[in-house]
PDB file of N, CA and C in Angstrom:
ATOM      1  N   MET A   1     -92.266-138.644  52.562  1.00  0.00           N
ATOM      2  CA  MET A   1     -91.046-138.262  53.157  1.00  0.00           C
ATOM      3  C   MET A   1     -91.429-136.901  53.969  1.00  0.00           C
ATOM      4  N   LEU A   2     -90.896-136.734  54.991  1.00  0.00           N
ATOM      5  CA  LEU A   2     -91.101-135.732  56.121  1.00  0.00           C
ATOM      6  C   LEU A   2     -90.493-134.415  55.448  1.00  0.00           C
ATOM      7  N   LYS A   3     -91.085-133.372  55.389  1.00  0.00           N
ATOM      8  CA  LYS A   3     -90.609-132.121  55.095  1.00  0.00           C
ATOM      9  C   LYS A   3     -89.628-131.361  56.048  1.00  0.00           C
ATOM     10  N   ASP A   4     -88.729-130.702  55.845  1.00  0.00           N
ATOM     11  CA  ASP A   4     -87.910-129.936  56.830  1.00  0.00           C
ATOM     12  C   ASP A   4     -88.798-128.999  57.454  1.00  0.00           C
ATOM     13  N   GLY A   5     -88.516-128.836  58.790  1.00  0.00           N
ATOM     14  CA  GLY A   5     -89.027-127.927  59.735  1.00  0.00           C
ATOM     15  C   GLY A   5     -90.506-128.254  60.054  1.00  0.00           C
ATOM     16  N   LEU A   6     -90.829-129.393  60.562  1.00  0.00           N
ATOM     17  CA  LEU A   6     -92.096-129.687  61.111  1.00  0.00           C
ATOM     18  C   LEU A   6     -92.252-128.973  62.342  1.00  0.00           C
ATOM     19  N   TYR A   7     -93.477-128.288  62.571  1.00  0.00           N
ATOM     20  CA  TYR A   7     -93.576-127.455  63.800  1.00  0.00           C
ATOM     21  C   TYR A   7     -95.051-127.630  64.026  1.00  0.00           C
ATOM     22  N   GLU A   8     -95.277-127.564  65.329  1.00  0.00           N
ATOM     23  CA  GLU A   8     -96.563-128.197  65.960  1.00  0.00           C
ATOM     24  C   GLU A   8     -97.234-129.256  65.211  1.00  0.00           C
ATOM     25  N   GLN A   9     -96.489-130.338  65.335  1.00  0.00           N
ATOM     26  CA  GLN A   9     -96.999-131.385  64.443  1.00  0.00           C
ATOM     27  C   GLN A   9     -97.374-132.418  65.520  1.00  0.00           C
ATOM     28  N   ILE A  10     -98.624-133.076  65.607  1.00  0.00           N
ATOM     29  CA  ILE A  10     -98.933-134.271  66.353  1.00  0.00           C
ATOM     30  C   ILE A  10     -98.099-135.463  65.932  1.00  0.00           C
ATOM     31  N   ILE A  11     -97.318-136.113  66.872  1.00  0.00           N
ATOM     32  CA  ILE A  11     -96.403-137.117  66.351  1.00  0.00           C
ATOM     33  C   ILE A  11     -97.259-138.375  66.622  1.00  0.00           C
ATOM     34  N   ASN A  12     -97.768-138.966  65.304  1.00  0.00           N
ATOM     35  CA  ASN A  12     -98.329-140.351  65.354  1.00  0.00           C
ATOM     36  C   ASN A  12     -97.308-141.330  65.103  1.00  0.00           C
ATOM     37  N   GLN A  13     -97.768-142.656  64.971  1.00  0.00           N
ATOM     38  CA  GLN A  13     -96.731-143.671  64.669  1.00  0.00           C
ATOM     39  C   GLN A  13     -95.981-143.501  63.431  1.00  0.00           C
ATOM     40  N   ASP A  14     -96.817-142.994  62.357  1.00  0.00           N
ATOM     41  CA  ASP A  14     -96.113-142.937  61.212  1.00  0.00           C
ATOM     42  C   ASP A  14     -95.141-142.052  61.092  1.00  0.00           C
ATOM     43  N   ILE A  15     -95.419-140.765  61.729  1.00  0.00           N
ATOM     44  CA  ILE A  15     -94.308-139.848  61.763  1.00  0.00           C
ATOM     45  C   ILE A  15     -93.088-140.211  62.519  1.00  0.00           C
ATOM     46  N   LEU A  16     -93.301-140.914  63.787  1.00  0.00           N
ATOM     47  CA  LEU A  16     -92.234-141.507  64.740  1.00  0.00           C
ATOM     48  C   LEU A  16     -91.581-142.373  63.780  1.00  0.00           C
ATOM     49  N   ASP A  17     -92.061-143.149  63.038  1.00  0.00           N
ATOM     50  CA  ASP A  17     -91.323-144.058  62.293  1.00  0.00           C
ATOM     51  C   ASP A  17     -90.377-143.525  61.331  1.00  0.00           C
ATOM     52  N   GLN A  18     -91.026-142.582  60.573  1.00  0.00           N
ATOM     53  CA  GLN A  18     -90.188-141.684  59.560  1.00  0.00           C
ATOM     54  C   GLN A  18     -88.992-141.008  60.383  1.00  0.00           C
ATOM     55  N   LEU A  19     -89.308-140.460  61.414  1.00  0.00           N
ATOM     56  CA  LEU A  19     -88.080-139.920  62.075  1.00  0.00           C
ATOM     57  C   LEU A  19     -87.042-140.657  62.555  1.00  0.00           C
ATOM     58  N   ALA A  20     -87.346-141.942  63.025  1.00  0.00           N
ATOM     59  CA  ALA A  20     -86.509-142.861  63.358  1.00  0.00           C
ATOM     60  C   ALA A  20     -85.541-143.281  62.136  1.00  0.00           C
ATOM     61  N   ARG A  21     -85.945-142.960  60.938  1.00  0.00           N
ATOM     62  CA  ARG A  21     -85.250-143.499  59.608  1.00  0.00           C
ATOM     63  C   ARG A  21     -84.342-142.389  59.036  1.00  0.00           C
ATOM     64  N   LEU A  22     -84.561-141.236  59.899  1.00  0.00           N
ATOM     65  CA  LEU A  22     -83.658-140.025  59.276  1.00  0.00           C
ATOM     66  C   LEU A  22     -82.243-140.172  59.987  1.00  0.00           C
ATOM     67  N   ASP A  23     -81.127-139.635  59.192  1.00  0.00           N
ATOM     68  CA  ASP A  23     -79.960-139.654  59.704  1.00  0.00           C
ATOM     69  C   ASP A  23     -79.714-138.652  60.765  1.00  0.00           C
ATOM     70  N   LYS A  24     -79.259-138.962  61.937  1.00  0.00           N
ATOM     71  CA  LYS A  24     -79.331-137.963  62.784  1.00  0.00           C
ATOM     72  C   LYS A  24     -78.151-136.820  62.997  1.00  0.00           C
ATOM     73  N   ASP A  25     -77.184-137.199  62.070  1.00  0.00           N
ATOM     74  CA  ASP A  25     -76.085-136.368  61.882  1.00  0.00           C
ATOM     75  C   ASP A  25     -76.397-135.197  60.883  1.00  0.00           C
ATOM     76  N   HIS A  26     -77.421-135.600  60.027  1.00  0.00           N
ATOM     77  CA  HIS A  26     -78.047-134.735  58.989  1.00  0.00           C
ATOM     78  C   HIS A  26     -79.108-133.649  59.370  1.00  0.00           C
ATOM     79  N   TYR A  27     -79.725-134.171  60.421  1.00  0.00           N
ATOM     80  CA  TYR A  27     -81.109-133.491  60.825  1.00  0.00           C
ATOM     81  C   TYR A  27     -81.065-133.159  62.255  1.00  0.00           C
ATOM     82  N   GLN A  28     -81.578-132.286  62.662  1.00  0.00           N
ATOM     83  CA  GLN A  28     -81.899-131.971  64.126  1.00  0.00           C
ATOM     84  C   GLN A  28     -83.202-132.183  64.439  1.00  0.00           C
ATOM     85  N   ILE A  29     -83.410-133.202  65.449  1.00  0.00           N
ATOM     86  CA  ILE A  29     -84.800-133.525  65.789  1.00  0.00           C
ATOM     87  C   ILE A  29     -84.984-133.260  67.350  1.00  0.00           C
ATOM     88  N   THR A  30     -85.871-132.355  67.348  1.00  0.00           N
ATOM     89  CA  THR A  30     -86.179-132.095  68.739  1.00  0.00           C
ATOM     90  C   THR A  30     -87.728-132.285  69.040  1.00  0.00           C
ATOM     91  N   LEU A  31     -88.122-133.020  70.004  1.00  0.00           N
ATOM     92  CA  LEU A  31     -89.487-133.277  70.370  1.00  0.00           C
ATOM     93  C   LEU A  31     -89.733-132.372  71.675  1.00  0.00           C
ATOM     94  N   ASP A  32     -91.037-131.923  71.608  1.00  0.00           N
ATOM     95  CA  ASP A  32     -91.347-131.306  72.784  1.00  0.00           C
ATOM     96  C   ASP A  32     -92.760-131.937  73.110  1.00  0.00           C
ATOM     97  N   LYS A  33     -93.100-131.934  74.566  1.00  0.00           N
ATOM     98  CA  LYS A  33     -94.381-132.340  74.921  1.00  0.00           C
ATOM     99  C   LYS A  33     -95.591-131.374  74.454  1.00  0.00           C
ATOM    100  N   LEU A  34     -96.763-132.022  74.321  1.00  0.00           N
ATOM    101  CA  LEU A  34     -97.907-131.012  73.952  1.00  0.00           C
ATOM    102  C   LEU A  34     -98.280-130.328  75.134  1.00  0.00           C
ATOM    103  N   ASN A  35     -98.226-129.032  75.006  1.00  0.00           N
ATOM    104  CA  ASN A  35     -98.593-128.178  75.864  1.00  0.00           C
ATOM    105  C   ASN A  35    -100.253-128.096  76.036  1.00  0.00           C
ATOM    106  N   ALA A  36    -100.490-128.280  77.504  1.00  0.00           N
ATOM    107  CA  ALA A  36    -101.819-128.323  77.758  1.00  0.00           C
ATOM    108  C   ALA A  36    -102.836-127.342  77.360  1.00  0.00           C
ATOM    109  N   ASP A  37    -102.399-126.217  77.257  1.00  0.00           N
ATOM    110  CA  ASP A  37    -103.033-124.957  76.818  1.00  0.00           C
ATOM    111  C   ASP A  37    -103.163-124.988  75.165  1.00  0.00           C
ATOM    112  N   ASP A  38    -102.274-125.502  74.654  1.00  0.00           N
ATOM    113  CA  ASP A  38    -102.367-125.603  73.245  1.00  0.00           C
ATOM    114  C   ASP A  38    -103.094-126.728  72.634  1.00  0.00           C
ATOM    115  N   ALA A  39    -103.266-127.983  73.485  1.00  0.00           N
ATOM    116  CA  ALA A  39    -103.786-129.168  73.116  1.00  0.00           C
ATOM    117  C   ALA A  39    -105.034-129.299  72.337  1.00  0.00           C
ATOM    118  N   ARG A  40    -106.013-128.567  72.976  1.00  0.00           N
ATOM    119  CA  ARG A  40    -107.237-128.414  72.365  1.00  0.00           C
ATOM    120  C   ARG A  40    -107.387-128.006  70.825  1.00  0.00           C
ATOM    121  N   LYS A  41    -106.513-127.181  70.517  1.00  0.00           N
ATOM    122  CA  LYS A  41    -106.545-126.469  69.263  1.00  0.00           C
ATOM    123  C   LYS A  41    -105.746-127.584  68.210  1.00  0.00           C
ATOM    124  N   LEU A  42    -104.659-127.902  68.781  1.00  0.00           N
ATOM    125  CA  LEU A  42    -103.760-128.862  67.969  1.00  0.00           C
ATOM    126  C   LEU A  42    -104.553-130.282  67.754  1.00  0.00           C
ATOM    127  N   LEU A  43    -105.025-130.816  68.860  1.00  0.00           N
ATOM    128  CA  LEU A  43    -105.916-132.148  68.619  1.00  0.00           C
ATOM    129  C   LEU A  43    -106.893-131.869  67.689  1.00  0.00           C
ATOM    130  N   THR A  44    -107.684-130.778  67.792  1.00  0.00           N
ATOM    131  CA  THR A  44    -108.857-130.424  67.045  1.00  0.00           C
ATOM    132  C   THR A  44    -108.542-130.668  65.542  1.00  0.00           C
ATOM    133  N   ILE A  45    -107.324-129.811  65.350  1.00  0.00           N
ATOM    134  CA  ILE A  45    -107.014-129.682  63.667  1.00  0.00           C
ATOM    135  C   ILE A  45    -106.525-131.248  63.387  1.00  0.00           C
ATOM    136  N   TYR A  46    -105.803-131.819  64.174  1.00  0.00           N
ATOM    137  CA  TYR A  46    -105.511-133.209  63.883  1.00  0.00           C
ATOM    138  C   TYR A  46    -106.454-134.343  63.451  1.00  0.00           C
ATOM    139  N   LEU A  47    -107.460-134.177  64.655  1.00  0.00           N
ATOM    140  CA  LEU A  47    -108.600-135.226  64.509  1.00  0.00           C
ATOM    141  C   LEU A  47    -109.356-134.749  63.236  1.00  0.00           C
ATOM    142  N   SER A  48    -109.451-133.528  62.961  1.00  0.00           N
ATOM    143  CA  SER A  48    -110.362-133.043  61.779  1.00  0.00           C
ATOM    144  C   SER A  48    -109.730-133.653  60.654  1.00  0.00           C
ATOM    145  N   GLN A  49    -108.341-133.695  60.382  1.00  0.00           N
ATOM    146  CA  GLN A  49    -107.604-134.231  59.215  1.00  0.00           C
ATOM    147  C   GLN A  49    -107.741-135.787  59.313  1.00  0.00           C
ATOM    148  N   VAL A  50    -107.650-136.523  60.350  1.00  0.00           N
ATOM    149  CA  VAL A  50    -107.913-137.884  60.444  1.00  0.00           C
ATOM    150  C   VAL A  50    -109.363-138.241  60.050  1.00  0.00           C
ATOM    151  N   ILE A  51    -110.253-137.476  60.495  1.00  0.00           N
ATOM    152  CA  ILE A  51    -111.765-137.831  60.376  1.00  0.00           C
ATOM    153  C   ILE A  51    -112.075-137.603  58.794  1.00  0.00           C
ATOM    154  N   ARG A  52    -111.693-136.365  58.189  1.00  0.00           N
ATOM    155  CA  ARG A  52    -111.957-136.079  56.919  1.00  0.00           C
ATOM    156  C   ARG A  52    -111.385-137.070  55.982  1.00  0.00           C
ATOM    157  N   SER A  53    -109.983-137.648  56.238  1.00  0.00           N
ATOM    158  CA  SER A  53    -109.467-138.625  55.524  1.00  0.00           C
ATOM    159  C   SER A  53    -110.293-140.003  55.533  1.00  0.00           C
ATOM    160  N   GLY A  54    -110.818-140.258  56.874  1.00  0.00           N
ATOM    161  CA  GLY A  54    -111.314-141.584  56.978  1.00  0.00           C
ATOM    162  C   GLY A  54    -112.990-141.437  56.072  1.00  0.00           C
ATOM    163  N   LEU A  55    -113.458-140.433  56.303  1.00  0.00           N
ATOM    164  CA  LEU A  55    -114.853-140.365  55.851  1.00  0.00           C
ATOM    165  C   LEU A  55    -114.661-140.325  54.104  1.00  0.00           C
ATOM    166  N   HIS A  56    -113.401-139.839  53.547  1.00  0.00           N
ATOM    167  CA  HIS A  56    -113.129-139.957  52.279  1.00  0.00           C
ATOM    168  C   HIS A  56    -112.886-141.217  51.761  1.00  0.00           C
ATOM    169  N   TYR A  57    -111.952-141.874  52.579  1.00  0.00           N
ATOM    170  CA  TYR A  57    -111.721-143.358  52.458  1.00  0.00           C
ATOM    171  C   TYR A  57    -113.025-144.217  52.310  1.00  0.00           C
ATOM    172  N   LEU A  58    -113.878-143.867  53.268  1.00  0.00           N
ATOM    173  CA  LEU A  58    -115.069-144.703  53.508  1.00  0.00           C
ATOM    174  C   LEU A  58    -115.973-144.600  51.989  1.00  0.00           C
ATOM    175  N   ARG A  59    -116.102-143.208  51.719  1.00  0.00           N
ATOM    176  CA  ARG A  59    -116.914-142.989  50.535  1.00  0.00           C
ATOM    177  C   ARG A  59    -116.316-143.566  49.396  1.00  0.00           C
ATOM    178  N   ASP A  60    -114.977-143.508  49.214  1.00  0.00           N
ATOM    179  CA  ASP A  60    -114.479-144.356  48.073  1.00  0.00           C
ATOM    180  C   ASP A  60    -114.628-145.730  47.946  1.00  0.00           C
ATOM    181  N   SER A  61    -114.762-146.286  49.275  1.00  0.00           N
ATOM    182  CA  SER A  61    -114.961-147.902  49.225  1.00  0.00           C
ATOM    183  C   SER A  61    -116.109-148.382  48.859  1.00  0.00           C
ATOM    184  N   PHE A  62    -117.184-147.377  48.303  1.00  0.00           N
ATOM    185  CA  PHE A  62    -118.406-147.748  47.663  1.00  0.00           C
ATOM    186  C   PHE A  62    -118.290-147.494  46.308  1.00  0.00           C
ATOM    187  N   LYS A  63    -119.239-148.397  45.554  1.00  0.00           N
ATOM    188  CA  LYS A  63    -119.191-148.330  44.089  1.00  0.00           C
ATOM    189  C   LYS A  63    -120.087-146.919  43.611  1.00  0.00           C
ATOM    190  N   SER A  64    -119.797-146.794  42.464  1.00  0.00           N
ATOM    191  CA  SER A  64    -120.772-145.643  41.800  1.00  0.00           C
ATOM    192  C   SER A  64    -122.220-146.326  41.707  1.00  0.00           C
ATOM    193  N   GLY A  65    -123.003-145.117  42.153  1.00  0.00           N
ATOM    194  CA  GLY A  65    -124.365-145.786  42.440  1.00  0.00           C
ATOM    195  C   GLY A  65    -124.841-146.231  43.685  1.00  0.00           C
ATOM    196  N   GLN A  66    -123.963-146.212  44.679  1.00  0.00           N
ATOM    197  CA  GLN A  66    -124.356-146.564  46.152  1.00  0.00           C
ATOM    198  C   GLN A  66    -124.105-145.237  47.050  1.00  0.00           C
ATOM    199  N   ASP A  67    -124.468-144.272  46.456  1.00  0.00           N
ATOM    200  CA  ASP A  67    -124.437-142.765  47.232  1.00  0.00           C
ATOM    201  C   ASP A  67    -125.396-142.910  48.530  1.00  0.00           C
ATOM    202  N   LYS A  68    -126.386-143.620  48.526  1.00  0.00           N
ATOM    203  CA  LYS A  68    -127.242-143.690  49.756  1.00  0.00           C
ATOM    204  C   LYS A  68    -126.414-144.317  51.016  1.00  0.00           C
ATOM    205  N   GLU A  69    -125.838-145.493  50.352  1.00  0.00           N
ATOM    206  CA  GLU A  69    -125.131-146.436  51.339  1.00  0.00           C
ATOM    207  C   GLU A  69    -123.751-145.845  51.786  1.00  0.00           C
ATOM    208  N   ALA A  70    -123.276-145.215  51.057  1.00  0.00           N
ATOM    209  CA  ALA A  70    -122.105-144.525  51.394  1.00  0.00           C
ATOM    210  C   ALA A  70    -122.378-143.247  52.426  1.00  0.00           C
ATOM    211  N   LEU A  71    -123.343-142.637  52.197  1.00  0.00           N
ATOM    212  CA  LEU A  71    -123.699-141.452  53.048  1.00  0.00           C
ATOM    213  C   LEU A  71    -124.010-142.192  54.189  1.00  0.00           C
ATOM    214  N   LEU A  72    -125.051-143.264  54.369  1.00  0.00           N
ATOM    215  CA  LEU A  72    -125.276-143.695  55.604  1.00  0.00           C
ATOM    216  C   LEU A  72    -124.007-144.321  56.626  1.00  0.00           C
ATOM    217  N   ALA A  73    -123.028-144.854  55.796  1.00  0.00           N
ATOM    218  CA  ALA A  73    -121.540-145.355  56.415  1.00  0.00           C
ATOM    219  C   ALA A  73    -120.986-144.180  57.121  1.00  0.00           C
ATOM    220  N   GLN A  74    -120.950-143.061  56.247  1.00  0.00           N
ATOM    221  CA  GLN A  74    -120.254-141.868  56.701  1.00  0.00           C
ATOM    222  C   GLN A  74    -121.157-141.283  58.204  1.00  0.00           C
ATOM    223  N   ILE A  75    -122.275-141.374  58.108  1.00  0.00           N
ATOM    224  CA  ILE A  75    -123.117-140.997  58.983  1.00  0.00           C
ATOM    225  C   ILE A  75    -122.922-141.812  60.290  1.00  0.00           C
ATOM    226  N   ARG A  76    -122.771-143.166  60.041  1.00  0.00           N
ATOM    227  CA  ARG A  76    -122.540-144.074  61.186  1.00  0.00           C
ATOM    228  C   ARG A  76    -121.438-143.778  61.760  1.00  0.00           C
ATOM    229  N   LEU A  77    -120.242-143.501  61.168  1.00  0.00           N
ATOM    230  CA  LEU A  77    -118.962-143.185  61.519  1.00  0.00           C
ATOM    231  C   LEU A  77    -118.878-141.981  62.400  1.00  0.00           C
ATOM    232  N   ALA A  78    -119.511-140.883  61.792  1.00  0.00           N
ATOM    233  CA  ALA A  78    -119.821-139.616  62.678  1.00  0.00           C
ATOM    234  C   ALA A  78    -120.366-139.867  64.070  1.00  0.00           C
ATOM    235  N   ASN A  79    -121.471-140.561  63.987  1.00  0.00           N
ATOM    236  CA  ASN A  79    -122.311-140.817  65.120  1.00  0.00           C
ATOM    237  C   ASN A  79    -121.304-141.621  66.183  1.00  0.00           C
ATOM    238  N   SER A  80    -120.658-142.644  65.631  1.00  0.00           N
ATOM    239  CA  SER A  80    -119.876-143.476  66.424  1.00  0.00           C
ATOM    240  C   SER A  80    -118.730-142.414  67.096  1.00  0.00           C
ATOM    241  N   ILE A  81    -118.332-141.314  66.525  1.00  0.00           N
ATOM    242  CA  ILE A  81    -117.276-140.516  66.970  1.00  0.00           C
ATOM    243  C   ILE A  81    -117.978-139.720  68.148  1.00  0.00           C
ATOM    244  N   VAL A  82    -119.180-139.078  68.008  1.00  0.00           N
ATOM    245  CA  VAL A  82    -120.113-138.465  68.776  1.00  0.00           C
ATOM    246  C   VAL A  82    -120.213-139.503  69.943  1.00  0.00           C
ATOM    247  N   ASP A  83    -120.583-140.706  70.008  1.00  0.00           N
ATOM    248  CA  ASP A  83    -120.720-141.563  71.272  1.00  0.00           C
ATOM    249  C   ASP A  83    -119.496-141.740  71.904  1.00  0.00           C
ATOM    250  N   GLN A  84    -118.293-141.708  71.211  1.00  0.00           N
ATOM    251  CA  GLN A  84    -117.101-141.677  72.017  1.00  0.00           C
ATOM    252  C   GLN A  84    -116.906-140.620  72.774  1.00  0.00           C
ATOM    253  N   VAL A  85    -117.109-139.357  72.343  1.00  0.00           N
ATOM    254  CA  VAL A  85    -117.070-137.997  73.002  1.00  0.00           C
ATOM    255  C   VAL A  85    -117.986-138.137  74.228  1.00  0.00           C
ATOM    256  N   ALA A  86    -119.106-138.516  73.983  1.00  0.00           N
ATOM    257  CA  ALA A  86    -120.355-138.503  74.926  1.00  0.00           C
ATOM    258  C   ALA A  86    -119.598-139.510  76.148  1.00  0.00           C
ATOM    259  N   GLN A  87    -119.129-140.596  75.855  1.00  0.00           N
ATOM    260  CA  GLN A  87    -118.597-141.607  76.818  1.00  0.00           C
ATOM    261  C   GLN A  87    -117.419-141.188  77.700  1.00  0.00           C
ATOM    262  N   HIS A  88    -116.658-140.395  76.825  1.00  0.00           N
ATOM    263  CA  HIS A  88    -115.380-139.958  77.631  1.00  0.00           C
ATOM    264  C   HIS A  88    -115.645-138.745  78.282  1.00  0.00           C
ATOM    265  N   THR A  89    -116.625-137.851  77.981  1.00  0.00           N
ATOM    266  CA  THR A  89    -116.891-136.688  78.726  1.00  0.00           C
ATOM    267  C   THR A  89    -117.896-136.885  79.807  1.00  0.00           C
ATOM    268  N   LYS A  90    -118.652-138.029  79.787  1.00  0.00           N
ATOM    269  CA  LYS A  90    -119.742-138.229  80.521  1.00  0.00           C
ATOM    270  C   LYS A  90    -120.767-137.390  80.522  1.00  0.00           C
ATOM    271  N   GLU A  91    -120.885-136.370  79.385  1.00  0.00           N
ATOM    272  CA  GLU A  91    -121.907-135.339  79.105  1.00  0.00           C
ATOM    273  C   GLU A  91    -123.019-135.855  78.248  1.00  0.00           C
ATOM    274  N   ALA A  92    -124.269-136.005  78.893  1.00  0.00           N
ATOM    275  CA  ALA A  92    -125.320-136.543  78.065  1.00  0.00           C
ATOM    276  C   ALA A  92    -125.657-135.763  77.033  1.00  0.00           C
ATOM    277  N   ASP A  93    -125.443-134.330  76.965  1.00  0.00           N
ATOM    278  CA  ASP A  93    -125.721-133.559  76.033  1.00  0.00           C
ATOM    279  C   ASP A  93    -125.135-133.923  74.595  1.00  0.00           C
ATOM    280  N   TYR A  94    -124.096-134.687  74.703  1.00  0.00           N
ATOM    281  CA  TYR A  94    -123.389-134.972  73.460  1.00  0.00           C
ATOM    282  C   TYR A  94    -124.255-136.036  72.615  1.00  0.00           C
ATOM    283  N   GLN A  95    -125.160-136.641  73.243  1.00  0.00           N
ATOM    284  CA  GLN A  95    -126.074-137.809  72.608  1.00  0.00           C
ATOM    285  C   GLN A  95    -127.036-136.674  71.810  1.00  0.00           C
ATOM    286  N   ASP A  96    -127.359-135.695  72.103  1.00  0.00           N
ATOM    287  CA  ASP A  96    -128.506-134.788  71.480  1.00  0.00           C
ATOM    288  C   ASP A  96    -127.704-134.394  70.157  1.00  0.00           C
ATOM    289  N   LEU A  97    -126.327-134.549  69.880  1.00  0.00           N
ATOM    290  CA  LEU A  97    -125.583-134.256  68.608  1.00  0.00           C
ATOM    291  C   LEU A  97    -125.502-135.213  67.499  1.00  0.00           C
ATOM    292  N   GLN A  98    -126.264-136.364  67.819  1.00  0.00           N
ATOM    293  CA  GLN A  98    -126.383-137.454  66.831  1.00  0.00           C
ATOM    294  C   GLN A  98    -126.897-137.088  65.544  1.00  0.00           C
ATOM    295  N   ILE A  99    -126.542-137.562  64.500  1.00  0.00           N
ATOM    296  CA  ILE A  99    -127.104-137.045  63.106  1.00  0.00           C
ATOM    297  C   ILE A  99    -128.010-138.069  62.882  1.00  0.00           C
ATOM    298  N   LEU A 100    -129.306-137.260  62.568  1.00  0.00           N
ATOM    299  CA  LEU A 100    -130.505-138.181  62.378  1.00  0.00           C
ATOM    300  C   LEU A 100    -130.611-138.658  60.959  1.00  0.00           C
TER     301      LEU A 100
END
């Protein structure tokens, strides 16, 4: 359930669905557009949480004793994120940030 008083929260589909279920007579819901000046910081925090959760989930999907395989899967995910950043920014320097 959502906590009262969400501020500077990135609205994703899950939160939007939860907001839609709230009683509009009981809760005041105000959504603002993401400010371009604040976007870098807020999106970084949001993506950090998503990536941390994904890496944790990925690690937990491997059985005990499969530490090497789990680590390699996490590195592949991290490198695919770096690839996406390189593609979207069109900056070749990001390719040098691949985990070896």
